[in-house]
Amino acid sequence: MKEIETLHSTIVYKNRWMSVREDKIRRLSGTEGIYGVVDKPDFVVILAIQNQHVYLVEQYRYAVEARYWELPQGAWENDPSADHSLLAAGELKEETGLVAKRMEYIGQQFLAYGYSSQSYHIYLATDLTESSTNLDEEEEGLISKKVSLSQFESMIIDGVIKDATTVNAYGLAKLKGYI
């Protein structure tokens, strides 16, 4: 039995990247309420590591009006059901120009399940070769660089890296013994 029953659902906003719905709900106790839910396609985040260095990207994040370093990540809005291993390889090449001969699946996490259905799949990319990037228009100004793993950890500790997905992906991979 579901703990919360959806009585009615209305999409209140929709664009190419996301939709927002308002659900009228009933709890087990019988009380009614509403939930606002953001639906976005799942995405991937890629730890591209070679010779004790990790590849990062920096881009302007409009919602917080600043540029930040993070791991390569993304979704294919035009194909939300794409195989996430193909998506990971595609996003890595698109954003960094790197091609991985080996991609290991680390796991799946939810981004913010208090208000969103979106999850992300974490991959470790190794045995890397360089190619060319293929940025899309939303990634204008994106730059890539490699840093040592110790510098990367310092960037997290010092608050230079503020992306929770990046920190979580690295932490999960490290706890599972991939790093």
C-alpha atoms as a PDB file:
ATOM      1  CA  MET A   1       0.000   0.000   0.000  1.00  0.00           C
ATOM      2  CA  LYS A   2       1.255   3.440  -0.906  1.00  0.00           C
ATOM      3  CA  GLU A   3       1.693   5.804   2.013  1.00  0.00           C
ATOM      4  CA  ILE A   4       0.475   8.717  -0.086  1.00  0.00           C
ATOM      5  CA  GLU A   5      -2.227   8.519  -2.734  1.00  0.00           C
ATOM      6  CA  THR A   6      -2.206  10.927  -5.676  1.00  0.00           C
ATOM      7  CA  LEU A   7      -5.721  12.286  -6.139  1.00  0.00           C
ATOM      8  CA  HIS A   8      -4.999  14.663  -9.007  1.00  0.00           C
ATOM      9  CA  SER A   9      -1.908  15.814 -10.886  1.00  0.00           C
ATOM     10  CA  THR A  10      -1.519  18.972 -12.979  1.00  0.00           C
ATOM     11  CA  ILE A  11       1.516  20.063 -14.968  1.00  0.00           C
ATOM     12  CA  VAL A  12       1.905  23.750 -14.130  1.00  0.00           C
ATOM     13  CA  TYR A  13       5.056  24.392 -16.181  1.00  0.00           C
ATOM     14  CA  LYS A  14       6.938  22.564 -18.918  1.00  0.00           C
ATOM     15  CA  ASN A  15       9.874  23.252 -21.202  1.00  0.00           C
ATOM     16  CA  ARG A  16      12.449  21.186 -23.096  1.00  0.00           C
ATOM     17  CA  TRP A  17      14.451  20.367 -19.953  1.00  0.00           C
ATOM     18  CA  MET A  18      11.886  19.893 -17.209  1.00  0.00           C
ATOM     19  CA  SER A  19       8.308  19.961 -16.032  1.00  0.00           C
ATOM     20  CA  VAL A  20       6.794  21.019 -12.737  1.00  0.00           C
ATOM     21  CA  ARG A  21       3.630  19.410 -11.503  1.00  0.00           C
ATOM     22  CA  GLU A  22       1.356  20.014  -8.578  1.00  0.00           C
ATOM     23  CA  ASP A  23      -0.162  16.888  -7.071  1.00  0.00           C
ATOM     24  CA  LYS A  24      -3.152  16.863  -4.768  1.00  0.00           C
ATOM     25  CA  ILE A  25      -2.500  14.003  -2.331  1.00  0.00           C
ATOM     26  CA  ARG A  26      -4.095  12.046   0.533  1.00  0.00           C
ATOM     27  CA  ARG A  27      -2.005  10.603   3.363  1.00  0.00           C
ATOM     28  CA  LEU A  28      -2.801   7.335   5.190  1.00  0.00           C
ATOM     29  CA  SER A  29      -4.404   9.375   7.979  1.00  0.00           C
ATOM     30  CA  GLY A  30      -6.860  10.796   5.446  1.00  0.00           C
ATOM     31  CA  THR A  31      -5.458  14.315   5.504  1.00  0.00           C
ATOM     32  CA  GLU A  32      -5.043  15.937   2.131  1.00  0.00           C
ATOM     33  CA  GLY A  33      -2.311  18.232   0.874  1.00  0.00           C
ATOM     34  CA  ILE A  34      -0.245  19.157  -2.146  1.00  0.00           C
ATOM     35  CA  TYR A  35       3.191  18.308  -3.439  1.00  0.00           C
ATOM     36  CA  GLY A  36       5.148  20.293  -6.008  1.00  0.00           C
ATOM     37  CA  VAL A  37       7.380  17.951  -8.019  1.00  0.00           C
ATOM     38  CA  VAL A  38      10.109  18.793 -10.525  1.00  0.00           C
ATOM     39  CA  ASP A  39      10.487  16.091 -13.182  1.00  0.00           C
ATOM     40  CA  LYS A  40      13.717  16.090 -15.179  1.00  0.00           C
ATOM     41  CA  PRO A  41      15.425  13.326 -17.129  1.00  0.00           C
ATOM     42  CA  ASP A  42      18.059  11.345 -15.285  1.00  0.00           C
ATOM     43  CA  PHE A  43      21.621  12.435 -15.926  1.00  0.00           C
ATOM     44  CA  VAL A  44      25.134  11.073 -15.640  1.00  0.00           C
ATOM     45  CA  VAL A  45      28.227  12.279 -13.824  1.00  0.00           C
ATOM     46  CA  ILE A  46      31.650  11.074 -14.877  1.00  0.00           C
ATOM     47  CA  LEU A  47      34.808  10.712 -12.805  1.00  0.00           C
ATOM     48  CA  ALA A  48      37.465  10.758 -15.533  1.00  0.00           C
ATOM     49  CA  ILE A  49      40.660   9.707 -13.762  1.00  0.00           C
ATOM     50  CA  GLN A  50      44.101   8.995 -15.132  1.00  0.00           C
ATOM     51  CA  ASN A  51      47.527   8.958 -13.450  1.00  0.00           C
ATOM     52  CA  GLN A  52      46.106  10.246 -10.134  1.00  0.00           C
ATOM     53  CA  HIS A  53      44.458  13.210 -11.882  1.00  0.00           C
ATOM     54  CA  VAL A  54      40.771  13.949 -12.382  1.00  0.00           C
ATOM     55  CA  TYR A  55      39.227  16.007 -15.181  1.00  0.00           C
ATOM     56  CA  LEU A  56      36.899  18.854 -14.215  1.00  0.00           C
ATOM     57  CA  VAL A  57      34.771  21.324 -16.119  1.00  0.00           C
ATOM     58  CA  GLU A  58      33.912  24.872 -15.166  1.00  0.00           C
ATOM     59  CA  GLN A  59      30.878  26.684 -16.445  1.00  0.00           C
ATOM     60  CA  TYR A  60      28.584  29.533 -15.561  1.00  0.00           C
ATOM     61  CA  ARG A  61      25.582  28.351 -13.557  1.00  0.00           C
ATOM     62  CA  TYR A  62      22.760  30.813 -14.154  1.00  0.00           C
ATOM     63  CA  ALA A  63      20.659  29.919 -11.091  1.00  0.00           C
ATOM     64  CA  VAL A  64      23.493  30.886  -8.716  1.00  0.00           C
ATOM     65  CA  GLU A  65      25.043  33.531 -11.006  1.00  0.00           C
ATOM     66  CA  ALA A  66      28.603  32.208 -10.822  1.00  0.00           C
ATOM     67  CA  ARG A  67      31.116  29.862 -12.429  1.00  0.00           C
ATOM     68  CA  TYR A  68      31.977  26.638 -10.605  1.00  0.00           C
ATOM     69  CA  TRP A  69      34.166  23.585 -11.088  1.00  0.00           C
ATOM     70  CA  GLU A  70      32.448  20.209 -11.223  1.00  0.00           C
ATOM     71  CA  LEU A  71      32.750  16.778 -12.753  1.00  0.00           C
ATOM     72  CA  PRO A  72      31.491  16.407 -16.334  1.00  0.00           C
ATOM     73  CA  GLN A  73      27.777  15.660 -16.260  1.00  0.00           C
ATOM     74  CA  GLY A  74      24.654  15.966 -18.330  1.00  0.00           C
ATOM     75  CA  ALA A  75      21.533  14.517 -19.894  1.00  0.00           C
ATOM     76  CA  TRP A  76      20.156  14.078 -23.375  1.00  0.00           C
ATOM     77  CA  GLU A  77      16.823  15.889 -23.209  1.00  0.00           C
ATOM     78  CA  ASN A  78      15.934  14.738 -26.738  1.00  0.00           C
ATOM     79  CA  ASP A  79      16.438  11.083 -25.706  1.00  0.00           C
ATOM     80  CA  PRO A  80      15.678  10.776 -21.967  1.00  0.00           C
ATOM     81  CA  SER A  81      15.509   6.979 -22.120  1.00  0.00           C
ATOM     82  CA  ALA A  82      18.992   6.629 -23.665  1.00  0.00           C
ATOM     83  CA  ASP A  83      21.290   3.992 -22.213  1.00  0.00           C
ATOM     84  CA  HIS A  84      23.113   5.847 -19.439  1.00  0.00           C
ATOM     85  CA  SER A  85      26.442   4.186 -20.278  1.00  0.00           C
ATOM     86  CA  LEU A  86      26.234   5.663 -23.793  1.00  0.00           C
ATOM     87  CA  LEU A  87      25.164   8.987 -22.313  1.00  0.00           C
ATOM     88  CA  ALA A  88      28.200   8.967 -19.978  1.00  0.00           C
ATOM     89  CA  ALA A  89      30.604   8.296 -22.856  1.00  0.00           C
ATOM     90  CA  GLY A  90      28.896  10.980 -24.956  1.00  0.00           C
ATOM     91  CA  GLU A  91      28.915  13.648 -22.238  1.00  0.00           C
ATOM     92  CA  LEU A  92      32.577  12.948 -21.409  1.00  0.00           C
ATOM     93  CA  LYS A  93      33.626  13.474 -25.019  1.00  0.00           C
ATOM     94  CA  GLU A  94      31.274  16.417 -25.532  1.00  0.00           C
ATOM     95  CA  GLU A  95      32.536  18.381 -22.518  1.00  0.00           C
ATOM     96  CA  THR A  96      36.203  17.341 -22.223  1.00  0.00           C
ATOM     97  CA  GLY A  97      37.125  15.773 -25.551  1.00  0.00           C
ATOM     98  CA  LEU A  98      38.130  12.608 -23.699  1.00  0.00           C
ATOM     99  CA  VAL A  99      37.343   9.099 -24.854  1.00  0.00           C
ATOM    100  CA  ALA A 100      37.462   6.320 -22.235  1.00  0.00           C
ATOM    101  CA  LYS A 101      38.393   2.777 -23.140  1.00  0.00           C
ATOM    102  CA  ARG A 102      36.971   1.692 -19.799  1.00  0.00           C
ATOM    103  CA  MET A 103      33.773   2.911 -18.098  1.00  0.00           C
ATOM    104  CA  GLU A 104      32.796   1.393 -14.746  1.00  0.00           C
ATOM    105  CA  TYR A 105      29.362   1.914 -13.251  1.00  0.00           C
ATOM    106  CA  ILE A 106      29.599   3.185  -9.661  1.00  0.00           C
ATOM    107  CA  GLY A 107      25.902   3.583  -8.799  1.00  0.00           C
ATOM    108  CA  GLN A 108      22.729   5.644  -8.914  1.00  0.00           C
ATOM    109  CA  GLN A 109      21.693   8.432  -6.556  1.00  0.00           C
ATOM    110  CA  PHE A 110      18.745  10.820  -6.366  1.00  0.00           C
ATOM    111  CA  LEU A 111      19.533  14.489  -6.782  1.00  0.00           C
ATOM    112  CA  ALA A 112      16.941  15.949  -4.393  1.00  0.00           C
ATOM    113  CA  TYR A 113      14.127  13.481  -3.771  1.00  0.00           C
ATOM    114  CA  GLY A 114      12.312  15.864  -1.452  1.00  0.00           C
ATOM    115  CA  TYR A 115      11.019  17.730  -4.500  1.00  0.00           C
ATOM    116  CA  SER A 116      12.371  16.049  -7.650  1.00  0.00           C
ATOM    117  CA  SER A 117      12.155  12.648  -9.330  1.00  0.00           C
ATOM    118  CA  GLN A 118      15.550  13.113 -11.013  1.00  0.00           C
ATOM    119  CA  SER A 119      18.401  10.716 -10.364  1.00  0.00           C
ATOM    120  CA  TYR A 120      21.912  10.413 -11.703  1.00  0.00           C
ATOM    121  CA  HIS A 121      24.223   7.576 -12.664  1.00  0.00           C
ATOM    122  CA  ILE A 122      27.884   7.739 -11.658  1.00  0.00           C
ATOM    123  CA  TYR A 123      30.643   6.390 -13.896  1.00  0.00           C
ATOM    124  CA  LEU A 124      34.388   6.044 -13.516  1.00  0.00           C
ATOM    125  CA  ALA A 125      36.147   6.632 -16.840  1.00  0.00           C
ATOM    126  CA  THR A 126      39.734   5.384 -17.212  1.00  0.00           C
ATOM    127  CA  ASP A 127      42.268   4.593 -19.924  1.00  0.00           C
ATOM    128  CA  LEU A 128      41.610   7.977 -21.508  1.00  0.00           C
ATOM    129  CA  THR A 129      42.631   9.377 -24.866  1.00  0.00           C
ATOM    130  CA  GLU A 130      42.200  12.956 -26.035  1.00  0.00           C
ATOM    131  CA  SER A 131      39.904  13.964 -28.866  1.00  0.00           C
ATOM    132  CA  SER A 132      37.962  17.156 -29.578  1.00  0.00           C
ATOM    133  CA  THR A 133      35.050  18.614 -27.616  1.00  0.00           C
ATOM    134  CA  ASN A 134      31.587  19.158 -29.069  1.00  0.00           C
ATOM    135  CA  LEU A 135      29.888  21.669 -26.775  1.00  0.00           C
ATOM    136  CA  ASP A 136      26.243  22.516 -27.249  1.00  0.00           C
ATOM    137  CA  GLU A 137      24.865  26.050 -26.964  1.00  0.00           C
ATOM    138  CA  GLU A 138      23.940  25.667 -23.277  1.00  0.00           C
ATOM    139  CA  GLU A 139      27.608  24.934 -22.528  1.00  0.00           C
ATOM    140  CA  GLU A 140      28.960  28.162 -24.000  1.00  0.00           C
ATOM    141  CA  GLY A 141      32.077  29.172 -22.089  1.00  0.00           C
ATOM    142  CA  LEU A 142      32.654  25.721 -20.568  1.00  0.00           C
ATOM    143  CA  ILE A 143      36.318  24.968 -19.927  1.00  0.00           C
ATOM    144  CA  SER A 144      38.024  21.766 -18.852  1.00  0.00           C
ATOM    145  CA  LYS A 145      41.167  21.032 -16.886  1.00  0.00           C
ATOM    146  CA  LYS A 146      42.804  18.198 -15.026  1.00  0.00           C
ATOM    147  CA  VAL A 147      43.902  18.452 -11.408  1.00  0.00           C
ATOM    148  CA  SER A 148      45.602  16.017  -9.078  1.00  0.00           C
ATOM    149  CA  LEU A 149      43.316  14.006  -6.827  1.00  0.00           C
ATOM    150  CA  SER A 150      44.849  15.723  -3.789  1.00  0.00           C
ATOM    151  CA  GLN A 151      44.168  19.159  -5.307  1.00  0.00           C
ATOM    152  CA  PHE A 152      40.623  18.031  -6.130  1.00  0.00           C
ATOM    153  CA  GLU A 153      40.039  16.985  -2.513  1.00  0.00           C
ATOM    154  CA  SER A 154      41.424  20.353  -1.327  1.00  0.00           C
ATOM    155  CA  MET A 155      39.027  22.133  -3.709  1.00  0.00           C
ATOM    156  CA  ILE A 156      36.148  20.254  -2.070  1.00  0.00           C
ATOM    157  CA  ILE A 157      37.347  20.929   1.481  1.00  0.00           C
ATOM    158  CA  ASP A 158      38.037  24.620   0.746  1.00  0.00           C
ATOM    159  CA  GLY A 159      34.579  25.138  -0.800  1.00  0.00           C
ATOM    160  CA  VAL A 160      35.898  25.842  -4.294  1.00  0.00           C
ATOM    161  CA  ILE A 161      33.798  22.925  -5.518  1.00  0.00           C
ATOM    162  CA  LYS A 162      30.225  23.451  -4.357  1.00  0.00           C
ATOM    163  CA  ASP A 163      28.400  20.965  -6.588  1.00  0.00           C
ATOM    164  CA  ALA A 164      26.865  18.300  -4.338  1.00  0.00           C
ATOM    165  CA  THR A 165      26.682  15.787  -7.197  1.00  0.00           C
ATOM    166  CA  THR A 166      30.436  16.094  -7.757  1.00  0.00           C
ATOM    167  CA  VAL A 167      31.222  15.654  -4.059  1.00  0.00           C
ATOM    168  CA  ASN A 168      28.815  12.743  -3.709  1.00  0.00           C
ATOM    169  CA  ALA A 169      30.052  10.939  -6.827  1.00  0.00           C
ATOM    170  CA  TYR A 170      33.651  11.168  -5.678  1.00  0.00           C
ATOM    171  CA  GLY A 171      32.768  10.098  -2.129  1.00  0.00           C
ATOM    172  CA  LEU A 172      30.763   7.087  -3.287  1.00  0.00           C
ATOM    173  CA  ALA A 173      33.493   5.963  -5.687  1.00  0.00           C
ATOM    174  CA  LYS A 174      36.108   6.338  -2.946  1.00  0.00           C
ATOM    175  CA  LEU A 175      34.018   4.509  -0.336  1.00  0.00           C
ATOM    176  CA  LYS A 176      33.424   1.648  -2.796  1.00  0.00           C
ATOM    177  CA  GLY A 177      37.188   1.354  -3.370  1.00  0.00           C
ATOM    178  CA  TYR A 178      37.325   2.568  -6.974  1.00  0.00           C
ATOM    179  CA  ILE A 179      39.671   5.398  -5.979  1.00  0.00           C
END
